[in-house]
Amino acid sequence: MLRQYIHWRRLIGESVEIRQHGQIIRTGTVDDAMADSTALWIAGDATQPRTVYEAALGQPAAEPADRPAADALTS
């Protein structure tokens, strides 16, 4: 089973990597997150807009950028 970071609110202000199928699909700073970890927002930057990632849609969960690489998909 793939690892999932459960407490997304604890990531607010942290740099993270969003991974899907072993590939980094987004890096950035967590701007906000739902208390129940159903969604989080990566802050916009010069190249990408603010983006929401939702667990219910099977989108990947965030992993802190300083942790070892791992696929992190929601179930």
PDB file of N, CA and C in Angstrom:
ATOM      1  N   MET A   1       0.840  -1.187   0.000  1.00  0.00           N
ATOM      2  CA  MET A   1       0.000   0.000   0.000  1.00  0.00           C
ATOM      3  C   MET A   1       0.878   1.239   0.000  1.00  0.00           C
ATOM      4  N   LEU A   2       0.456   2.257  -0.715  1.00  0.00           N
ATOM      5  CA  LEU A   2       1.221   3.481  -0.815  1.00  0.00           C
ATOM      6  C   LEU A   2       0.974   4.365   0.393  1.00  0.00           C
ATOM      7  N   ARG A   3       2.023   5.061   0.794  1.00  0.00           N
ATOM      8  CA  ARG A   3       1.943   5.913   1.969  1.00  0.00           C
ATOM      9  C   ARG A   3       1.177   7.196   1.665  1.00  0.00           C
ATOM     10  N   GLN A   4       0.429   7.660   2.625  1.00  0.00           N
ATOM     11  CA  GLN A   4      -0.348   8.887   2.496  1.00  0.00           C
ATOM     12  C   GLN A   4      -0.023   9.792   3.680  1.00  0.00           C
ATOM     13  N   TYR A   5       0.224  11.059   3.425  1.00  0.00           N
ATOM     14  CA  TYR A   5       0.413  12.010   4.517  1.00  0.00           C
ATOM     15  C   TYR A   5      -0.969  12.414   4.995  1.00  0.00           C
ATOM     16  N   ILE A   6      -1.317  12.072   6.220  1.00  0.00           N
ATOM     17  CA  ILE A   6      -2.688  12.183   6.703  1.00  0.00           C
ATOM     18  C   ILE A   6      -3.049  13.589   7.189  1.00  0.00           C
ATOM     19  N   HIS A   7      -2.144  14.277   7.841  1.00  0.00           N
ATOM     20  CA  HIS A   7      -2.452  15.561   8.481  1.00  0.00           C
ATOM     21  C   HIS A   7      -2.016  16.731   7.604  1.00  0.00           C
ATOM     22  N   TRP A   8      -2.780  17.021   6.576  1.00  0.00           N
ATOM     23  CA  TRP A   8      -2.403  18.052   5.617  1.00  0.00           C
ATOM     24  C   TRP A   8      -2.339  19.445   6.227  1.00  0.00           C
ATOM     25  N   ARG A   9      -3.159  19.755   7.233  1.00  0.00           N
ATOM     26  CA  ARG A   9      -3.121  21.098   7.856  1.00  0.00           C
ATOM     27  C   ARG A   9      -1.770  21.368   8.489  1.00  0.00           C
ATOM     28  N   ARG A  10      -1.087  20.334   8.916  1.00  0.00           N
ATOM     29  CA  ARG A  10       0.245  20.514   9.505  1.00  0.00           C
ATOM     30  C   ARG A  10       1.279  20.942   8.460  1.00  0.00           C
ATOM     31  N   LEU A  11       0.908  20.852   7.207  1.00  0.00           N
ATOM     32  CA  LEU A  11       1.825  21.207   6.122  1.00  0.00           C
ATOM     33  C   LEU A  11       1.701  22.665   5.675  1.00  0.00           C
ATOM     34  N   ILE A  12       0.753  23.411   6.216  1.00  0.00           N
ATOM     35  CA  ILE A  12       0.582  24.806   5.790  1.00  0.00           C
ATOM     36  C   ILE A  12       1.886  25.561   6.024  1.00  0.00           C
ATOM     37  N   GLY A  13       2.342  26.224   4.954  1.00  0.00           N
ATOM     38  CA  GLY A  13       3.598  26.973   5.013  1.00  0.00           C
ATOM     39  C   GLY A  13       4.829  26.165   4.662  1.00  0.00           C
ATOM     40  N   GLU A  14       4.669  24.849   4.501  1.00  0.00           N
ATOM     41  CA  GLU A  14       5.791  23.965   4.191  1.00  0.00           C
ATOM     42  C   GLU A  14       5.945  23.777   2.688  1.00  0.00           C
ATOM     43  N   SER A  15       7.178  23.569   2.249  1.00  0.00           N
ATOM     44  CA  SER A  15       7.432  23.195   0.862  1.00  0.00           C
ATOM     45  C   SER A  15       7.153  21.713   0.716  1.00  0.00           C
ATOM     46  N   VAL A  16       6.405  21.356  -0.324  1.00  0.00           N
ATOM     47  CA  VAL A  16       6.027  19.960  -0.533  1.00  0.00           C
ATOM     48  C   VAL A  16       6.222  19.556  -1.985  1.00  0.00           C
ATOM     49  N   GLU A  17       6.241  18.264  -2.190  1.00  0.00           N
ATOM     50  CA  GLU A  17       6.215  17.673  -3.520  1.00  0.00           C
ATOM     51  C   GLU A  17       4.903  16.913  -3.645  1.00  0.00           C
ATOM     52  N   ILE A  18       4.190  17.121  -4.725  1.00  0.00           N
ATOM     53  CA  ILE A  18       2.987  16.350  -5.024  1.00  0.00           C
ATOM     54  C   ILE A  18       3.422  15.299  -6.031  1.00  0.00           C
ATOM     55  N   ARG A  19       3.209  14.037  -5.700  1.00  0.00           N
ATOM     56  CA  ARG A  19       3.641  12.934  -6.558  1.00  0.00           C
ATOM     57  C   ARG A  19       2.459  12.097  -7.003  1.00  0.00           C
ATOM     58  N   GLN A  20       2.574  11.586  -8.210  1.00  0.00           N
ATOM     59  CA  GLN A  20       1.574  10.666  -8.736  1.00  0.00           C
ATOM     60  C   GLN A  20       2.317   9.660  -9.607  1.00  0.00           C
ATOM     61  N   HIS A  21       2.131   8.393  -9.308  1.00  0.00           N
ATOM     62  CA  HIS A  21       2.797   7.313 -10.034  1.00  0.00           C
ATOM     63  C   HIS A  21       4.315   7.476 -10.039  1.00  0.00           C
ATOM     64  N   GLY A  22       4.854   7.925  -8.902  1.00  0.00           N
ATOM     65  CA  GLY A  22       6.301   8.047  -8.757  1.00  0.00           C
ATOM     66  C   GLY A  22       6.908   9.289  -9.366  1.00  0.00           C
ATOM     67  N   GLN A  23       6.098  10.118 -10.012  1.00  0.00           N
ATOM     68  CA  GLN A  23       6.597  11.330 -10.658  1.00  0.00           C
ATOM     69  C   GLN A  23       6.133  12.562  -9.889  1.00  0.00           C
ATOM     70  N   ILE A  24       7.018  13.530  -9.765  1.00  0.00           N
ATOM     71  CA  ILE A  24       6.635  14.799  -9.156  1.00  0.00           C
ATOM     72  C   ILE A  24       5.790  15.559 -10.175  1.00  0.00           C
ATOM     73  N   ILE A  25       4.561  15.897  -9.777  1.00  0.00           N
ATOM     74  CA  ILE A  25       3.700  16.657 -10.682  1.00  0.00           C
ATOM     75  C   ILE A  25       3.584  18.117 -10.266  1.00  0.00           C
ATOM     76  N   ARG A  26       4.016  18.433  -9.051  1.00  0.00           N
ATOM     77  CA  ARG A  26       3.977  19.822  -8.586  1.00  0.00           C
ATOM     78  C   ARG A  26       4.844  19.945  -7.353  1.00  0.00           C
ATOM     79  N   THR A  27       5.553  21.028  -7.247  1.00  0.00           N
ATOM     80  CA  THR A  27       6.246  21.388  -6.012  1.00  0.00           C
ATOM     81  C   THR A  27       5.771  22.780  -5.638  1.00  0.00           C
ATOM     82  N   GLY A  28       5.779  23.061  -4.366  1.00  0.00           N
ATOM     83  CA  GLY A  28       5.363  24.385  -3.941  1.00  0.00           C
ATOM     84  C   GLY A  28       5.088  24.429  -2.456  1.00  0.00           C
ATOM     85  N   THR A  29       4.530  25.537  -2.038  1.00  0.00           N
ATOM     86  CA  THR A  29       4.228  25.766  -0.631  1.00  0.00           C
ATOM     87  C   THR A  29       2.741  25.562  -0.394  1.00  0.00           C
ATOM     88  N   VAL A  30       2.424  24.804   0.647  1.00  0.00           N
ATOM     89  CA  VAL A  30       1.016  24.583   0.987  1.00  0.00           C
ATOM     90  C   VAL A  30       0.453  25.893   1.527  1.00  0.00           C
ATOM     91  N   ASP A  31      -0.563  26.388   0.837  1.00  0.00           N
ATOM     92  CA  ASP A  31      -1.192  27.662   1.171  1.00  0.00           C
ATOM     93  C   ASP A  31      -2.313  27.473   2.186  1.00  0.00           C
ATOM     94  N   ASP A  32      -3.043  26.383   2.064  1.00  0.00           N
ATOM     95  CA  ASP A  32      -4.156  26.097   2.970  1.00  0.00           C
ATOM     96  C   ASP A  32      -4.513  24.625   2.823  1.00  0.00           C
ATOM     97  N   ALA A  33      -5.238  24.094   3.803  1.00  0.00           N
ATOM     98  CA  ALA A  33      -5.667  22.697   3.766  1.00  0.00           C
ATOM     99  C   ALA A  33      -6.919  22.534   4.607  1.00  0.00           C
ATOM    100  N   MET A  34      -7.758  21.616   4.192  1.00  0.00           N
ATOM    101  CA  MET A  34      -8.954  21.297   4.968  1.00  0.00           C
ATOM    102  C   MET A  34      -8.539  20.560   6.242  1.00  0.00           C
ATOM    103  N   ALA A  35      -9.244  20.808   7.322  1.00  0.00           N
ATOM    104  CA  ALA A  35      -8.920  20.176   8.606  1.00  0.00           C
ATOM    105  C   ALA A  35      -9.019  18.652   8.539  1.00  0.00           C
ATOM    106  N   ASP A  36      -9.892  18.144   7.666  1.00  0.00           N
ATOM    107  CA  ASP A  36     -10.062  16.695   7.553  1.00  0.00           C
ATOM    108  C   ASP A  36      -9.199  16.088   6.436  1.00  0.00           C
ATOM    109  N   SER A  37      -8.263  16.864   5.907  1.00  0.00           N
ATOM    110  CA  SER A  37      -7.331  16.414   4.857  1.00  0.00           C
ATOM    111  C   SER A  37      -8.031  15.944   3.582  1.00  0.00           C
ATOM    112  N   THR A  38      -9.169  16.551   3.262  1.00  0.00           N
ATOM    113  CA  THR A  38      -9.855  16.198   2.019  1.00  0.00           C
ATOM    114  C   THR A  38      -9.351  17.015   0.837  1.00  0.00           C
ATOM    115  N   ALA A  39      -8.691  18.136   1.116  1.00  0.00           N
ATOM    116  CA  ALA A  39      -8.154  18.972   0.045  1.00  0.00           C
ATOM    117  C   ALA A  39      -7.066  19.876   0.600  1.00  0.00           C
ATOM    118  N   LEU A  40      -6.150  20.256  -0.285  1.00  0.00           N
ATOM    119  CA  LEU A  40      -5.151  21.256   0.069  1.00  0.00           C
ATOM    120  C   LEU A  40      -4.868  22.123  -1.135  1.00  0.00           C
ATOM    121  N   TRP A  41      -4.332  23.296  -0.880  1.00  0.00           N
ATOM    122  CA  TRP A  41      -4.022  24.256  -1.932  1.00  0.00           C
ATOM    123  C   TRP A  41      -2.524  24.518  -1.931  1.00  0.00           C
ATOM    124  N   ILE A  42      -1.940  24.466  -3.109  1.00  0.00           N
ATOM    125  CA  ILE A  42      -0.543  24.850  -3.290  1.00  0.00           C
ATOM    126  C   ILE A  42      -0.559  26.296  -3.783  1.00  0.00           C
ATOM    127  N   ALA A  43       0.213  27.147  -3.139  1.00  0.00           N
ATOM    128  CA  ALA A  43       0.247  28.562  -3.499  1.00  0.00           C
ATOM    129  C   ALA A  43       0.718  28.743  -4.937  1.00  0.00           C
ATOM    130  N   GLY A  44       0.186  29.757  -5.582  1.00  0.00           N
ATOM    131  CA  GLY A  44       0.623  30.087  -6.927  1.00  0.00           C
ATOM    132  C   GLY A  44       2.020  30.691  -6.900  1.00  0.00           C
ATOM    133  N   ASP A  45       2.680  30.614  -8.025  1.00  0.00           N
ATOM    134  CA  ASP A  45       4.000  31.218  -8.163  1.00  0.00           C
ATOM    135  C   ASP A  45       4.124  31.805  -9.564  1.00  0.00           C
ATOM    136  N   ALA A  46       5.321  32.139  -9.965  1.00  0.00           N
ATOM    137  CA  ALA A  46       5.528  32.792 -11.263  1.00  0.00           C
ATOM    138  C   ALA A  46       5.152  31.908 -12.448  1.00  0.00           C
ATOM    139  N   THR A  47       5.155  30.582 -12.255  1.00  0.00           N
ATOM    140  CA  THR A  47       4.905  29.681 -13.381  1.00  0.00           C
ATOM    141  C   THR A  47       3.595  28.912 -13.301  1.00  0.00           C
ATOM    142  N   GLN A  48       3.016  28.798 -12.106  1.00  0.00           N
ATOM    143  CA  GLN A  48       1.787  28.013 -11.958  1.00  0.00           C
ATOM    144  C   GLN A  48       0.816  28.726 -11.030  1.00  0.00           C
ATOM    145  N   PRO A  49      -0.489  28.613 -11.311  1.00  0.00           N
ATOM    146  CA  PRO A  49      -1.481  29.258 -10.449  1.00  0.00           C
ATOM    147  C   PRO A  49      -1.700  28.461  -9.158  1.00  0.00           C
ATOM    148  N   ARG A  50      -2.374  29.088  -8.210  1.00  0.00           N
ATOM    149  CA  ARG A  50      -2.786  28.385  -6.993  1.00  0.00           C
ATOM    150  C   ARG A  50      -3.640  27.199  -7.426  1.00  0.00           C
ATOM    151  N   THR A  51      -3.362  26.034  -6.857  1.00  0.00           N
ATOM    152  CA  THR A  51      -4.019  24.802  -7.300  1.00  0.00           C
ATOM    153  C   THR A  51      -4.527  24.017  -6.105  1.00  0.00           C
ATOM    154  N   VAL A  52      -5.733  23.472  -6.236  1.00  0.00           N
ATOM    155  CA  VAL A  52      -6.303  22.623  -5.196  1.00  0.00           C
ATOM    156  C   VAL A  52      -6.112  21.158  -5.595  1.00  0.00           C
ATOM    157  N   TYR A  53      -5.803  20.321  -4.625  1.00  0.00           N
ATOM    158  CA  TYR A  53      -5.700  18.874  -4.811  1.00  0.00           C
ATOM    159  C   TYR A  53      -6.685  18.234  -3.845  1.00  0.00           C
ATOM    160  N   GLU A  54      -7.583  17.401  -4.371  1.00  0.00           N
ATOM    161  CA  GLU A  54      -8.655  16.818  -3.578  1.00  0.00           C
ATOM    162  C   GLU A  54      -8.483  15.310  -3.424  1.00  0.00           C
ATOM    163  N   ALA A  55      -8.582  14.833  -2.188  1.00  0.00           N
ATOM    164  CA  ALA A  55      -8.447  13.405  -1.913  1.00  0.00           C
ATOM    165  C   ALA A  55      -9.567  12.601  -2.563  1.00  0.00           C
ATOM    166  N   ALA A  56     -10.785  13.126  -2.575  1.00  0.00           N
ATOM    167  CA  ALA A  56     -11.932  12.393  -3.119  1.00  0.00           C
ATOM    168  C   ALA A  56     -11.795  12.115  -4.608  1.00  0.00           C
ATOM    169  N   LEU A  57     -11.006  12.918  -5.293  1.00  0.00           N
ATOM    170  CA  LEU A  57     -10.811  12.720  -6.723  1.00  0.00           C
ATOM    171  C   LEU A  57      -9.624  11.814  -7.022  1.00  0.00           C
ATOM    172  N   GLY A  58      -9.053  11.242  -5.968  1.00  0.00           N
ATOM    173  CA  GLY A  58      -7.930  10.343  -6.160  1.00  0.00           C
ATOM    174  C   GLY A  58      -6.640  11.060  -6.503  1.00  0.00           C
ATOM    175  N   GLN A  59      -6.595  12.353  -6.222  1.00  0.00           N
ATOM    176  CA  GLN A  59      -5.378  13.099  -6.494  1.00  0.00           C
ATOM    177  C   GLN A  59      -4.361  12.823  -5.397  1.00  0.00           C
ATOM    178  N   PRO A  60      -3.101  13.005  -5.719  1.00  0.00           N
ATOM    179  CA  PRO A  60      -2.049  12.650  -4.774  1.00  0.00           C
ATOM    180  C   PRO A  60      -2.019  13.534  -3.545  1.00  0.00           C
ATOM    181  N   ALA A  61      -1.604  12.961  -2.463  1.00  0.00           N
ATOM    182  CA  ALA A  61      -1.398  13.716  -1.235  1.00  0.00           C
ATOM    183  C   ALA A  61      -0.019  14.345  -1.258  1.00  0.00           C
ATOM    184  N   ALA A  62       0.170  15.333  -0.432  1.00  0.00           N
ATOM    185  CA  ALA A  62       1.450  16.028  -0.376  1.00  0.00           C
ATOM    186  C   ALA A  62       2.413  15.309   0.556  1.00  0.00           C
ATOM    187  N   GLU A  63       3.658  15.352   0.200  1.00  0.00           N
ATOM    188  CA  GLU A  63       4.739  14.855   1.039  1.00  0.00           C
ATOM    189  C   GLU A  63       5.702  16.002   1.281  1.00  0.00           C
ATOM    190  N   PRO A  64       6.119  16.223   2.515  1.00  0.00           N
ATOM    191  CA  PRO A  64       7.118  17.262   2.756  1.00  0.00           C
ATOM    192  C   PRO A  64       8.338  17.041   1.864  1.00  0.00           C
ATOM    193  N   ALA A  65       8.855  18.100   1.291  1.00  0.00           N
ATOM    194  CA  ALA A  65       9.943  18.002   0.327  1.00  0.00           C
ATOM    195  C   ALA A  65      11.218  17.424   0.924  1.00  0.00           C
ATOM    196  N   ASP A  66      11.395  17.496   2.234  1.00  0.00           N
ATOM    197  CA  ASP A  66      12.620  16.984   2.844  1.00  0.00           C
ATOM    198  C   ASP A  66      12.526  15.513   3.251  1.00  0.00           C
ATOM    199  N   ARG A  67      11.422  14.857   2.958  1.00  0.00           N
ATOM    200  CA  ARG A  67      11.269  13.432   3.259  1.00  0.00           C
ATOM    201  C   ARG A  67      11.706  12.597   2.080  1.00  0.00           C
ATOM    202  N   PRO A  68      12.022  11.338   2.313  1.00  0.00           N
ATOM    203  CA  PRO A  68      12.389  10.455   1.182  1.00  0.00           C
ATOM    204  C   PRO A  68      11.241  10.351   0.193  1.00  0.00           C
ATOM    205  N   ALA A  69      11.576  10.225  -1.065  1.00  0.00           N
ATOM    206  CA  ALA A  69      10.572  10.124  -2.127  1.00  0.00           C
ATOM    207  C   ALA A  69       9.694   8.891  -1.910  1.00  0.00           C
ATOM    208  N   ALA A  70       8.402   9.089  -2.122  1.00  0.00           N
ATOM    209  CA  ALA A  70       7.456   7.971  -2.022  1.00  0.00           C
ATOM    210  C   ALA A  70       6.212   8.358  -2.787  1.00  0.00           C
ATOM    211  N   ASP A  71       5.610   7.394  -3.442  1.00  0.00           N
ATOM    212  CA  ASP A  71       4.303   7.651  -4.032  1.00  0.00           C
ATOM    213  C   ASP A  71       3.365   7.934  -2.877  1.00  0.00           C
ATOM    214  N   ALA A  72       2.563   8.933  -3.010  1.00  0.00           N
ATOM    215  CA  ALA A  72       1.633   9.272  -1.937  1.00  0.00           C
ATOM    216  C   ALA A  72       0.273   9.515  -2.542  1.00  0.00           C
ATOM    217  N   LEU A  73      -0.465   8.464  -2.710  1.00  0.00           N
ATOM    218  CA  LEU A  73      -1.797   8.577  -3.299  1.00  0.00           C
ATOM    219  C   LEU A  73      -2.840   8.350  -2.235  1.00  0.00           C
ATOM    220  N   THR A  74      -3.922   9.052  -2.368  1.00  0.00           N
ATOM    221  CA  THR A  74      -5.032   8.808  -1.464  1.00  0.00           C
ATOM    222  C   THR A  74      -5.741   7.546  -1.900  1.00  0.00           C
ATOM    223  N   SER A  75      -6.428   6.937  -0.983  1.00  0.00           N
ATOM    224  CA  SER A  75      -7.143   5.700  -1.329  1.00  0.00           C
ATOM    225  C   SER A  75      -8.515   6.012  -1.848  1.00  0.00           C
TER     226      SER A  75
END
